[in-house]
């Protein structure tokens, strides 16, 4: 494995091959490499959590609108555009049967 380090010596990029940026060879058991890879796993976990949370927020917004607490027009233009885009995407996905009963991708 080849790595690139920042000015503090922390690994910031890895590659299976030596390239113009990743010049230093490290063993697979290298502690800094292990820490870097563990950090990537945490980033992936956070991304999955963010995606789940987006769905929660979308549901809360729709609930508030259904209850009359807020109106669609109360939302900023950018938020309205994003909600419309997500509804359109969800509708297209559902139309071709790619979503399960509760919105889970099959």
PDB file of N, CA and C in Angstrom:
ATOM      1  N   UNK A   1       0.846  -1.161   0.000  1.00  0.00           N
ATOM      2  CA  UNK A   1       0.000   0.000   0.000  1.00  0.00           C
ATOM      3  C   UNK A   1       0.902   1.237   0.000  1.00  0.00           C
ATOM      4  N   UNK A   2       0.514   2.237  -0.748  1.00  0.00           N
ATOM      5  CA  UNK A   2       1.260   3.492  -0.825  1.00  0.00           C
ATOM      6  C   UNK A   2       0.389   4.609  -0.264  1.00  0.00           C
ATOM      7  N   UNK A   3       1.053   5.540   0.422  1.00  0.00           N
ATOM      8  CA  UNK A   3       0.301   6.595   1.097  1.00  0.00           C
ATOM      9  C   UNK A   3       0.876   7.973   0.793  1.00  0.00           C
ATOM     10  N   UNK A   4       0.028   8.960   1.034  1.00  0.00           N
ATOM     11  CA  UNK A   4       0.444  10.364   1.030  1.00  0.00           C
ATOM     12  C   UNK A   4       0.116  10.902   2.415  1.00  0.00           C
ATOM     13  N   UNK A   5       1.038  11.656   2.971  1.00  0.00           N
ATOM     14  CA  UNK A   5       0.846  12.204   4.313  1.00  0.00           C
ATOM     15  C   UNK A   5       0.742  13.725   4.252  1.00  0.00           C
ATOM     16  N   UNK A   6       0.073  14.300   5.251  1.00  0.00           N
ATOM     17  CA  UNK A   6       0.015  15.762   5.353  1.00  0.00           C
ATOM     18  C   UNK A   6       1.253  16.268   6.079  1.00  0.00           C
ATOM     19  N   UNK A   7       1.308  17.570   6.313  1.00  0.00           N
ATOM     20  CA  UNK A   7       2.485  18.176   6.959  1.00  0.00           C
ATOM     21  C   UNK A   7       2.708  17.684   8.385  1.00  0.00           C
ATOM     22  N   UNK A   8       1.664  17.099   9.000  1.00  0.00           N
ATOM     23  CA  UNK A   8       1.797  16.558  10.355  1.00  0.00           C
ATOM     24  C   UNK A   8       2.119  15.069  10.369  1.00  0.00           C
ATOM     25  N   UNK A   9       2.242  14.475   9.189  1.00  0.00           N
ATOM     26  CA  UNK A   9       2.568  13.057   9.097  1.00  0.00           C
ATOM     27  C   UNK A   9       1.365  12.133   9.076  1.00  0.00           C
ATOM     28  N   UNK A  10       0.152  12.689   9.112  1.00  0.00           N
ATOM     29  CA  UNK A  10      -1.054  11.862   9.077  1.00  0.00           C
ATOM     30  C   UNK A  10      -1.341  11.450   7.632  1.00  0.00           C
ATOM     31  N   UNK A  11      -1.773  10.233   7.458  1.00  0.00           N
ATOM     32  CA  UNK A  11      -2.116   9.741   6.122  1.00  0.00           C
ATOM     33  C   UNK A  11      -3.382  10.445   5.640  1.00  0.00           C
ATOM     34  N   UNK A  12      -3.316  10.967   4.408  1.00  0.00           N
ATOM     35  CA  UNK A  12      -4.480  11.657   3.846  1.00  0.00           C
ATOM     36  C   UNK A  12      -4.963  11.015   2.547  1.00  0.00           C
ATOM     37  N   UNK A  13      -4.171  10.095   1.992  1.00  0.00           N
ATOM     38  CA  UNK A  13      -4.562   9.414   0.763  1.00  0.00           C
ATOM     39  C   UNK A  13      -3.828   8.089   0.687  1.00  0.00           C
ATOM     40  N   UNK A  14      -4.530   7.061   0.159  1.00  0.00           N
ATOM     41  CA  UNK A  14      -3.887   5.758  -0.030  1.00  0.00           C
ATOM     42  C   UNK A  14      -4.105   5.285  -1.463  1.00  0.00           C
ATOM     43  N   UNK A  15      -3.225   4.401  -1.907  1.00  0.00           N
ATOM     44  CA  UNK A  15      -3.329   3.832  -3.250  1.00  0.00           C
ATOM     45  C   UNK A  15      -2.703   2.450  -3.252  1.00  0.00           C
ATOM     46  N   UNK A  16      -3.238   1.587  -4.107  1.00  0.00           N
ATOM     47  CA  UNK A  16      -2.645   0.254  -4.264  1.00  0.00           C
ATOM     48  C   UNK A  16      -1.369   0.307  -5.085  1.00  0.00           C
ATOM     49  N   UNK A  17      -1.214   1.377  -5.845  1.00  0.00           N
ATOM     50  CA  UNK A  17      -0.026   1.531  -6.690  1.00  0.00           C
ATOM     51  C   UNK A  17       0.689   2.830  -6.345  1.00  0.00           C
ATOM     52  N   UNK A  18       1.966   2.856  -6.595  1.00  0.00           N
ATOM     53  CA  UNK A  18       2.734   4.080  -6.380  1.00  0.00           C
ATOM     54  C   UNK A  18       2.400   5.034  -7.525  1.00  0.00           C
ATOM     55  N   UNK A  19       1.965   6.239  -7.156  1.00  0.00           N
ATOM     56  CA  UNK A  19       1.653   7.227  -8.185  1.00  0.00           C
ATOM     57  C   UNK A  19       2.332   8.547  -7.826  1.00  0.00           C
ATOM     58  N   UNK A  20       1.987   9.612  -8.505  1.00  0.00           N
ATOM     59  CA  UNK A  20       2.626  10.902  -8.279  1.00  0.00           C
ATOM     60  C   UNK A  20       2.383  11.481  -6.902  1.00  0.00           C
ATOM     61  N   UNK A  21       1.323  11.039  -6.226  1.00  0.00           N
ATOM     62  CA  UNK A  21       1.012  11.565  -4.899  1.00  0.00           C
ATOM     63  C   UNK A  21       1.326  10.571  -3.790  1.00  0.00           C
ATOM     64  N   UNK A  22       1.065   9.324  -4.017  1.00  0.00           N
ATOM     65  CA  UNK A  22       1.280   8.291  -3.006  1.00  0.00           C
ATOM     66  C   UNK A  22       2.610   7.587  -3.292  1.00  0.00           C
ATOM     67  N   UNK A  23       3.645   8.062  -2.643  1.00  0.00           N
ATOM     68  CA  UNK A  23       4.990   7.560  -2.915  1.00  0.00           C
ATOM     69  C   UNK A  23       5.530   6.643  -1.823  1.00  0.00           C
ATOM     70  N   UNK A  24       5.049   6.836  -0.599  1.00  0.00           N
ATOM     71  CA  UNK A  24       5.585   6.090   0.542  1.00  0.00           C
ATOM     72  C   UNK A  24       4.891   4.741   0.683  1.00  0.00           C
ATOM     73  N   UNK A  25       5.676   3.688   0.750  1.00  0.00           N
ATOM     74  CA  UNK A  25       5.142   2.344   0.936  1.00  0.00           C
ATOM     75  C   UNK A  25       4.974   2.062   2.431  1.00  0.00           C
ATOM     76  N   UNK A  26       3.831   1.497   2.801  1.00  0.00           N
ATOM     77  CA  UNK A  26       3.592   1.098   4.191  1.00  0.00           C
ATOM     78  C   UNK A  26       3.042  -0.328   4.206  1.00  0.00           C
ATOM     79  N   UNK A  27       3.319  -1.037   5.296  1.00  0.00           N
ATOM     80  CA  UNK A  27       2.790  -2.384   5.469  1.00  0.00           C
ATOM     81  C   UNK A  27       1.303  -2.313   5.817  1.00  0.00           C
ATOM     82  N   UNK A  28       0.589  -3.379   5.490  1.00  0.00           N
ATOM     83  CA  UNK A  28      -0.842  -3.431   5.804  1.00  0.00           C
ATOM     84  C   UNK A  28      -1.110  -3.325   7.303  1.00  0.00           C
ATOM     85  N   UNK A  29      -0.165  -3.719   8.127  1.00  0.00           N
ATOM     86  CA  UNK A  29      -0.337  -3.649   9.569  1.00  0.00           C
ATOM     87  C   UNK A  29       0.065  -2.314  10.174  1.00  0.00           C
ATOM     88  N   UNK A  30       0.423  -1.340   9.358  1.00  0.00           N
ATOM     89  CA  UNK A  30       0.843  -0.023   9.846  1.00  0.00           C
ATOM     90  C   UNK A  30      -0.269   0.630  10.651  1.00  0.00           C
ATOM     91  N   UNK A  31       0.064   1.133  11.835  1.00  0.00           N
ATOM     92  CA  UNK A  31      -0.926   1.730  12.740  1.00  0.00           C
ATOM     93  C   UNK A  31      -1.630   2.929  12.101  1.00  0.00           C
ATOM     94  N   UNK A  32      -0.869   3.811  11.467  1.00  0.00           N
ATOM     95  CA  UNK A  32      -1.461   5.000  10.851  1.00  0.00           C
ATOM     96  C   UNK A  32      -2.406   4.613   9.708  1.00  0.00           C
ATOM     97  N   UNK A  33      -2.047   3.568   8.966  1.00  0.00           N
ATOM     98  CA  UNK A  33      -2.914   3.092   7.889  1.00  0.00           C
ATOM     99  C   UNK A  33      -4.216   2.540   8.473  1.00  0.00           C
ATOM    100  N   UNK A  34      -4.114   1.795   9.546  1.00  0.00           N
ATOM    101  CA  UNK A  34      -5.305   1.271  10.224  1.00  0.00           C
ATOM    102  C   UNK A  34      -6.226   2.384  10.705  1.00  0.00           C
ATOM    103  N   UNK A  35      -5.629   3.437  11.266  1.00  0.00           N
ATOM    104  CA  UNK A  35      -6.427   4.574  11.731  1.00  0.00           C
ATOM    105  C   UNK A  35      -7.106   5.278  10.566  1.00  0.00           C
ATOM    106  N   UNK A  36      -6.402   5.426   9.450  1.00  0.00           N
ATOM    107  CA  UNK A  36      -6.969   6.065   8.267  1.00  0.00           C
ATOM    108  C   UNK A  36      -8.167   5.257   7.754  1.00  0.00           C
ATOM    109  N   UNK A  37      -7.991   3.943   7.649  1.00  0.00           N
ATOM    110  CA  UNK A  37      -9.067   3.082   7.157  1.00  0.00           C
ATOM    111  C   UNK A  37     -10.250   3.061   8.119  1.00  0.00           C
ATOM    112  N   UNK A  38      -9.991   3.104   9.403  1.00  0.00           N
ATOM    113  CA  UNK A  38     -11.079   3.156  10.381  1.00  0.00           C
ATOM    114  C   UNK A  38     -11.866   4.459  10.226  1.00  0.00           C
ATOM    115  N   UNK A  39     -11.151   5.540   9.946  1.00  0.00           N
ATOM    116  CA  UNK A  39     -11.813   6.824   9.718  1.00  0.00           C
ATOM    117  C   UNK A  39     -12.729   6.781   8.506  1.00  0.00           C
ATOM    118  N   UNK A  40     -12.305   6.075   7.462  1.00  0.00           N
ATOM    119  CA  UNK A  40     -13.154   5.931   6.277  1.00  0.00           C
ATOM    120  C   UNK A  40     -14.441   5.187   6.627  1.00  0.00           C
ATOM    121  N   UNK A  41     -14.322   4.167   7.460  1.00  0.00           N
ATOM    122  CA  UNK A  41     -15.504   3.411   7.894  1.00  0.00           C
ATOM    123  C   UNK A  41     -16.469   4.288   8.666  1.00  0.00           C
ATOM    124  N   UNK A  42     -15.943   5.165   9.507  1.00  0.00           N
ATOM    125  CA  UNK A  42     -16.810   6.079  10.264  1.00  0.00           C
ATOM    126  C   UNK A  42     -17.487   7.070   9.337  1.00  0.00           C
ATOM    127  N   UNK A  43     -16.772   7.527   8.298  1.00  0.00           N
ATOM    128  CA  UNK A  43     -17.368   8.450   7.332  1.00  0.00           C
ATOM    129  C   UNK A  43     -18.509   7.780   6.584  1.00  0.00           C
ATOM    130  N   UNK A  44     -18.331   6.521   6.189  1.00  0.00           N
ATOM    131  CA  UNK A  44     -19.397   5.787   5.507  1.00  0.00           C
ATOM    132  C   UNK A  44     -20.606   5.620   6.421  1.00  0.00           C
ATOM    133  N   UNK A  45     -20.356   5.320   7.690  1.00  0.00           N
ATOM    134  CA  UNK A  45     -21.447   5.161   8.653  1.00  0.00           C
ATOM    135  C   UNK A  45     -22.201   6.478   8.824  1.00  0.00           C
ATOM    136  N   UNK A  46     -21.468   7.597   8.885  1.00  0.00           N
ATOM    137  CA  UNK A  46     -22.098   8.901   9.024  1.00  0.00           C
ATOM    138  C   UNK A  46     -22.924   9.242   7.789  1.00  0.00           C
ATOM    139  N   UNK A  47     -22.418   8.900   6.612  1.00  0.00           N
ATOM    140  CA  UNK A  47     -23.160   9.155   5.374  1.00  0.00           C
ATOM    141  C   UNK A  47     -24.465   8.368   5.359  1.00  0.00           C
ATOM    142  N   UNK A  48     -24.424   7.101   5.756  1.00  0.00           N
ATOM    143  CA  UNK A  48     -25.647   6.297   5.824  1.00  0.00           C
ATOM    144  C   UNK A  48     -26.627   6.912   6.819  1.00  0.00           C
ATOM    145  N   UNK A  49     -26.115   7.351   7.960  1.00  0.00           N
ATOM    146  CA  UNK A  49     -26.962   7.984   8.961  1.00  0.00           C
ATOM    147  C   UNK A  49     -27.582   9.272   8.420  1.00  0.00           C
ATOM    148  N   UNK A  50     -26.791  10.066   7.698  1.00  0.00           N
ATOM    149  CA  UNK A  50     -27.305  11.299   7.102  1.00  0.00           C
ATOM    150  C   UNK A  50     -28.440  11.011   6.140  1.00  0.00           C
ATOM    151  N   UNK A  51     -28.281   9.993   5.309  1.00  0.00           N
ATOM    152  CA  UNK A  51     -29.320   9.652   4.341  1.00  0.00           C
ATOM    153  C   UNK A  51     -30.600   9.217   5.046  1.00  0.00           C
ATOM    154  N   UNK A  52     -30.467   8.440   6.120  1.00  0.00           N
ATOM    155  CA  UNK A  52     -31.639   8.038   6.896  1.00  0.00           C
ATOM    156  C   UNK A  52     -32.304   9.255   7.531  1.00  0.00           C
ATOM    157  N   UNK A  53     -31.490  10.184   8.019  1.00  0.00           N
ATOM    158  CA  UNK A  53     -32.026  11.365   8.688  1.00  0.00           C
ATOM    159  C   UNK A  53     -32.742  12.281   7.701  1.00  0.00           C
ATOM    160  N   UNK A  54     -32.266  12.334   6.468  1.00  0.00           N
ATOM    161  CA  UNK A  54     -32.938  13.137   5.433  1.00  0.00           C
ATOM    162  C   UNK A  54     -34.362  12.643   5.267  1.00  0.00           C
ATOM    163  N   UNK A  55     -34.545  11.341   5.258  1.00  0.00           N
ATOM    164  CA  UNK A  55     -35.898  10.782   5.115  1.00  0.00           C
ATOM    165  C   UNK A  55     -36.766  11.163   6.311  1.00  0.00           C
ATOM    166  N   UNK A  56     -36.196  11.158   7.505  1.00  0.00           N
ATOM    167  CA  UNK A  56     -36.939  11.566   8.700  1.00  0.00           C
ATOM    168  C   UNK A  56     -37.381  13.023   8.567  1.00  0.00           C
ATOM    169  N   UNK A  57     -36.465  13.890   8.160  1.00  0.00           N
ATOM    170  CA  UNK A  57     -36.811  15.304   7.996  1.00  0.00           C
ATOM    171  C   UNK A  57     -37.899  15.500   6.944  1.00  0.00           C
ATOM    172  N   UNK A  58     -37.791  14.771   5.860  1.00  0.00           N
ATOM    173  CA  UNK A  58     -38.814  14.847   4.818  1.00  0.00           C
ATOM    174  C   UNK A  58     -40.176  14.456   5.382  1.00  0.00           C
ATOM    175  N   UNK A  59     -40.221  13.371   6.153  1.00  0.00           N
ATOM    176  CA  UNK A  59     -41.473  12.931   6.767  1.00  0.00           C
ATOM    177  C   UNK A  59     -42.015  13.961   7.750  1.00  0.00           C
ATOM    178  N   UNK A  60     -41.137  14.589   8.540  1.00  0.00           N
ATOM    179  CA  UNK A  60     -41.560  15.604   9.507  1.00  0.00           C
ATOM    180  C   UNK A  60     -42.145  16.817   8.779  1.00  0.00           C
ATOM    181  N   UNK A  61     -41.495  17.233   7.698  1.00  0.00           N
ATOM    182  CA  UNK A  61     -41.999  18.374   6.921  1.00  0.00           C
ATOM    183  C   UNK A  61     -43.393  18.068   6.390  1.00  0.00           C
ATOM    184  N   UNK A  62     -43.580  16.868   5.834  1.00  0.00           N
ATOM    185  CA  UNK A  62     -44.897  16.497   5.314  1.00  0.00           C
ATOM    186  C   UNK A  62     -45.934  16.413   6.426  1.00  0.00           C
ATOM    187  N   UNK A  63     -45.552  15.902   7.583  1.00  0.00           N
ATOM    188  CA  UNK A  63     -46.458  15.830   8.724  1.00  0.00           C
ATOM    189  C   UNK A  63     -46.898  17.228   9.162  1.00  0.00           C
ATOM    190  N   UNK A  64     -45.931  18.147   9.259  1.00  0.00           N
ATOM    191  CA  UNK A  64     -46.259  19.520   9.654  1.00  0.00           C
ATOM    192  C   UNK A  64     -47.185  20.184   8.634  1.00  0.00           C
ATOM    193  N   UNK A  65     -46.977  19.908   7.360  1.00  0.00           N
ATOM    194  CA  UNK A  65     -47.861  20.466   6.334  1.00  0.00           C
ATOM    195  C   UNK A  65     -49.249  19.833   6.419  1.00  0.00           C
ATOM    196  N   UNK A  66     -49.303  18.513   6.620  1.00  0.00           N
ATOM    197  CA  UNK A  66     -50.597  17.826   6.731  1.00  0.00           C
ATOM    198  C   UNK A  66     -51.408  18.338   7.918  1.00  0.00           C
ATOM    199  N   UNK A  67     -50.725  18.679   9.004  1.00  0.00           N
ATOM    200  CA  UNK A  67     -51.407  19.172  10.206  1.00  0.00           C
ATOM    201  C   UNK A  67     -51.697  20.670  10.138  1.00  0.00           C
ATOM    202  N   UNK A  68     -51.236  21.337   9.081  1.00  0.00           N
ATOM    203  CA  UNK A  68     -51.484  22.760   8.916  1.00  0.00           C
ATOM    204  C   UNK A  68     -50.583  23.650   9.745  1.00  0.00           C
ATOM    205  N   UNK A  69     -49.519  23.093  10.306  1.00  0.00           N
ATOM    206  CA  UNK A  69     -48.593  23.884  11.108  1.00  0.00           C
ATOM    207  C   UNK A  69     -47.779  24.804  10.213  1.00  0.00           C
ATOM    208  N   UNK A  70     -47.374  24.285   9.066  1.00  0.00           N
ATOM    209  CA  UNK A  70     -46.671  25.093   8.067  1.00  0.00           C
ATOM    210  C   UNK A  70     -47.323  24.846   6.715  1.00  0.00           C
ATOM    211  N   UNK A  71     -47.122  25.773   5.806  1.00  0.00           N
ATOM    212  CA  UNK A  71     -47.575  25.607   4.432  1.00  0.00           C
ATOM    213  C   UNK A  71     -46.353  25.394   3.551  1.00  0.00           C
ATOM    214  N   UNK A  72     -46.571  24.721   2.450  1.00  0.00           N
ATOM    215  CA  UNK A  72     -45.495  24.490   1.495  1.00  0.00           C
ATOM    216  C   UNK A  72     -44.865  25.811   1.079  1.00  0.00           C
ATOM    217  N   UNK A  73     -45.681  26.829   0.916  1.00  0.00           N
ATOM    218  CA  UNK A  73     -45.184  28.137   0.488  1.00  0.00           C
ATOM    219  C   UNK A  73     -44.399  28.860   1.578  1.00  0.00           C
ATOM    220  N   UNK A  74     -44.476  28.382   2.822  1.00  0.00           N
ATOM    221  CA  UNK A  74     -43.673  28.960   3.910  1.00  0.00           C
ATOM    222  C   UNK A  74     -42.195  28.576   3.781  1.00  0.00           C
ATOM    223  N   UNK A  75     -41.937  27.504   3.070  1.00  0.00           N
ATOM    224  CA  UNK A  75     -40.565  27.020   2.936  1.00  0.00           C
ATOM    225  C   UNK A  75     -39.789  27.886   1.951  1.00  0.00           C
ATOM    226  N   UNK A  76     -38.479  28.004   2.149  1.00  0.00           N
ATOM    227  CA  UNK A  76     -37.652  28.730   1.177  1.00  0.00           C
ATOM    228  C   UNK A  76     -37.711  28.045  -0.188  1.00  0.00           C
ATOM    229  N   UNK A  77     -37.486  28.812  -1.235  1.00  0.00           N
ATOM    230  CA  UNK A  77     -37.534  28.271  -2.598  1.00  0.00           C
ATOM    231  C   UNK A  77     -36.655  27.035  -2.756  1.00  0.00           C
ATOM    232  N   UNK A  78     -35.445  27.084  -2.230  1.00  0.00           N
ATOM    233  CA  UNK A  78     -34.521  25.958  -2.383  1.00  0.00           C
ATOM    234  C   UNK A  78     -35.084  24.697  -1.715  1.00  0.00           C
ATOM    235  N   UNK A  79     -35.693  24.846  -0.551  1.00  0.00           N
ATOM    236  CA  UNK A  79     -36.275  23.697   0.150  1.00  0.00           C
ATOM    237  C   UNK A  79     -37.460  23.140  -0.632  1.00  0.00           C
ATOM    238  N   UNK A  80     -38.289  24.012  -1.173  1.00  0.00           N
ATOM    239  CA  UNK A  80     -39.431  23.558  -1.982  1.00  0.00           C
ATOM    240  C   UNK A  80     -38.939  22.793  -3.206  1.00  0.00           C
ATOM    241  N   UNK A  81     -37.923  23.339  -3.876  1.00  0.00           N
ATOM    242  CA  UNK A  81     -37.384  22.675  -5.066  1.00  0.00           C
ATOM    243  C   UNK A  81     -36.849  21.288  -4.734  1.00  0.00           C
ATOM    244  N   UNK A  82     -36.165  21.169  -3.612  1.00  0.00           N
ATOM    245  CA  UNK A  82     -35.607  19.872  -3.212  1.00  0.00           C
ATOM    246  C   UNK A  82     -36.705  18.875  -2.857  1.00  0.00           C
ATOM    247  N   UNK A  83     -37.745  19.343  -2.168  1.00  0.00           N
ATOM    248  CA  UNK A  83     -38.858  18.455  -1.832  1.00  0.00           C
ATOM    249  C   UNK A  83     -39.576  17.974  -3.089  1.00  0.00           C
ATOM    250  N   UNK A  84     -39.793  18.878  -4.031  1.00  0.00           N
ATOM    251  CA  UNK A  84     -40.446  18.495  -5.289  1.00  0.00           C
ATOM    252  C   UNK A  84     -39.582  17.480  -6.042  1.00  0.00           C
ATOM    253  N   UNK A  85     -38.277  17.714  -6.092  1.00  0.00           N
ATOM    254  CA  UNK A  85     -37.374  16.802  -6.791  1.00  0.00           C
ATOM    255  C   UNK A  85     -37.396  15.421  -6.140  1.00  0.00           C
ATOM    256  N   UNK A  86     -37.395  15.374  -4.806  1.00  0.00           N
ATOM    257  CA  UNK A  86     -37.417  14.081  -4.105  1.00  0.00           C
ATOM    258  C   UNK A  86     -38.739  13.364  -4.325  1.00  0.00           C
ATOM    259  N   UNK A  87     -39.858  14.113  -4.298  1.00  0.00           N
ATOM    260  CA  UNK A  87     -41.163  13.494  -4.544  1.00  0.00           C
ATOM    261  C   UNK A  87     -41.219  12.918  -5.949  1.00  0.00           C
ATOM    262  N   UNK A  88     -40.692  13.661  -6.911  1.00  0.00           N
ATOM    263  CA  UNK A  88     -40.689  13.200  -8.296  1.00  0.00           C
ATOM    264  C   UNK A  88     -39.833  11.939  -8.439  1.00  0.00           C
ATOM    265  N   UNK A  89     -38.660  11.953  -7.839  1.00  0.00           N
ATOM    266  CA  UNK A  89     -37.778  10.790  -7.892  1.00  0.00           C
ATOM    267  C   UNK A  89     -38.423   9.585  -7.225  1.00  0.00           C
ATOM    268  N   UNK A  90     -39.000   9.800  -6.043  1.00  0.00           N
ATOM    269  CA  UNK A  90     -39.655   8.711  -5.314  1.00  0.00           C
ATOM    270  C   UNK A  90     -40.818   8.138  -6.142  1.00  0.00           C
ATOM    271  N   UNK A  91     -41.564   9.016  -6.799  1.00  0.00           N
ATOM    272  CA  UNK A  91     -42.680   8.573  -7.632  1.00  0.00           C
ATOM    273  C   UNK A  91     -42.187   7.727  -8.804  1.00  0.00           C
ATOM    274  N   UNK A  92     -41.103   8.175  -9.456  1.00  0.00           N
ATOM    275  CA  UNK A  92     -40.560   7.410 -10.581  1.00  0.00           C
ATOM    276  C   UNK A  92     -40.036   6.053 -10.125  1.00  0.00           C
ATOM    277  N   UNK A  93     -39.392   6.016  -8.972  1.00  0.00           N
ATOM    278  CA  UNK A  93     -38.868   4.749  -8.446  1.00  0.00           C
ATOM    279  C   UNK A  93     -40.013   3.812  -8.102  1.00  0.00           C
ATOM    280  N   UNK A  94     -41.049   4.331  -7.455  1.00  0.00           N
ATOM    281  CA  UNK A  94     -42.204   3.513  -7.095  1.00  0.00           C
ATOM    282  C   UNK A  94     -42.938   3.005  -8.331  1.00  0.00           C
ATOM    283  N   UNK A  95     -42.997   3.812  -9.381  1.00  0.00           N
ATOM    284  CA  UNK A  95     -43.705   3.420 -10.599  1.00  0.00           C
ATOM    285  C   UNK A  95     -43.071   2.212 -11.269  1.00  0.00           C
ATOM    286  N   UNK A  96     -41.768   2.038 -11.116  1.00  0.00           N
ATOM    287  CA  UNK A  96     -41.119   0.875 -11.723  1.00  0.00           C
ATOM    288  C   UNK A  96     -40.891  -0.244 -10.717  1.00  0.00           C
ATOM    289  N   UNK A  97     -41.447  -0.096  -9.520  1.00  0.00           N
ATOM    290  CA  UNK A  97     -41.429  -1.163  -8.536  1.00  0.00           C
ATOM    291  C   UNK A  97     -40.100  -1.397  -7.860  1.00  0.00           C
ATOM    292  N   UNK A  98     -39.258  -0.362  -7.734  1.00  0.00           N
ATOM    293  CA  UNK A  98     -37.962  -0.543  -7.091  1.00  0.00           C
ATOM    294  C   UNK A  98     -38.001  -0.264  -5.600  1.00  0.00           C
ATOM    295  N   UNK A  99     -39.113   0.235  -5.087  1.00  0.00           N
ATOM    296  CA  UNK A  99     -39.217   0.538  -3.663  1.00  0.00           C
ATOM    297  C   UNK A  99     -40.114  -0.496  -2.996  1.00  0.00           C
ATOM    298  N   UNK A 100     -39.763  -0.833  -1.777  1.00  0.00           N
ATOM    299  CA  UNK A 100     -40.577  -1.767  -1.010  1.00  0.00           C
ATOM    300  C   UNK A 100     -41.779  -1.053  -0.409  1.00  0.00           C
ATOM    301  N   UNK A 101     -42.499  -1.753   0.405  1.00  0.00           N
ATOM    302  CA  UNK A 101     -43.703  -1.214   1.033  1.00  0.00           C
ATOM    303  C   UNK A 101     -43.430   0.033   1.861  1.00  0.00           C
ATOM    304  N   UNK A 102     -42.314   0.049   2.576  1.00  0.00           N
ATOM    305  CA  UNK A 102     -42.019   1.161   3.475  1.00  0.00           C
ATOM    306  C   UNK A 102     -40.938   2.064   2.931  1.00  0.00           C
ATOM    307  N   UNK A 103     -40.724   2.068   1.618  1.00  0.00           N
ATOM    308  CA  UNK A 103     -39.753   2.960   1.015  1.00  0.00           C
ATOM    309  C   UNK A 103     -38.338   2.405   0.971  1.00  0.00           C
ATOM    310  N   UNK A 104     -38.151   1.161   1.413  1.00  0.00           N
ATOM    311  CA  UNK A 104     -36.813   0.567   1.357  1.00  0.00           C
ATOM    312  C   UNK A 104     -36.524   0.112  -0.061  1.00  0.00           C
ATOM    313  N   UNK A 105     -35.304   0.324  -0.500  1.00  0.00           N
ATOM    314  CA  UNK A 105     -34.910  -0.140  -1.819  1.00  0.00           C
ATOM    315  C   UNK A 105     -34.770  -1.644  -1.787  1.00  0.00           C
ATOM    316  N   UNK A 106     -35.311  -2.290  -2.778  1.00  0.00           N
ATOM    317  CA  UNK A 106     -35.270  -3.759  -2.841  1.00  0.00           C
ATOM    318  C   UNK A 106     -33.975  -4.190  -3.484  1.00  0.00           C
TER     319      UNK A 106
END
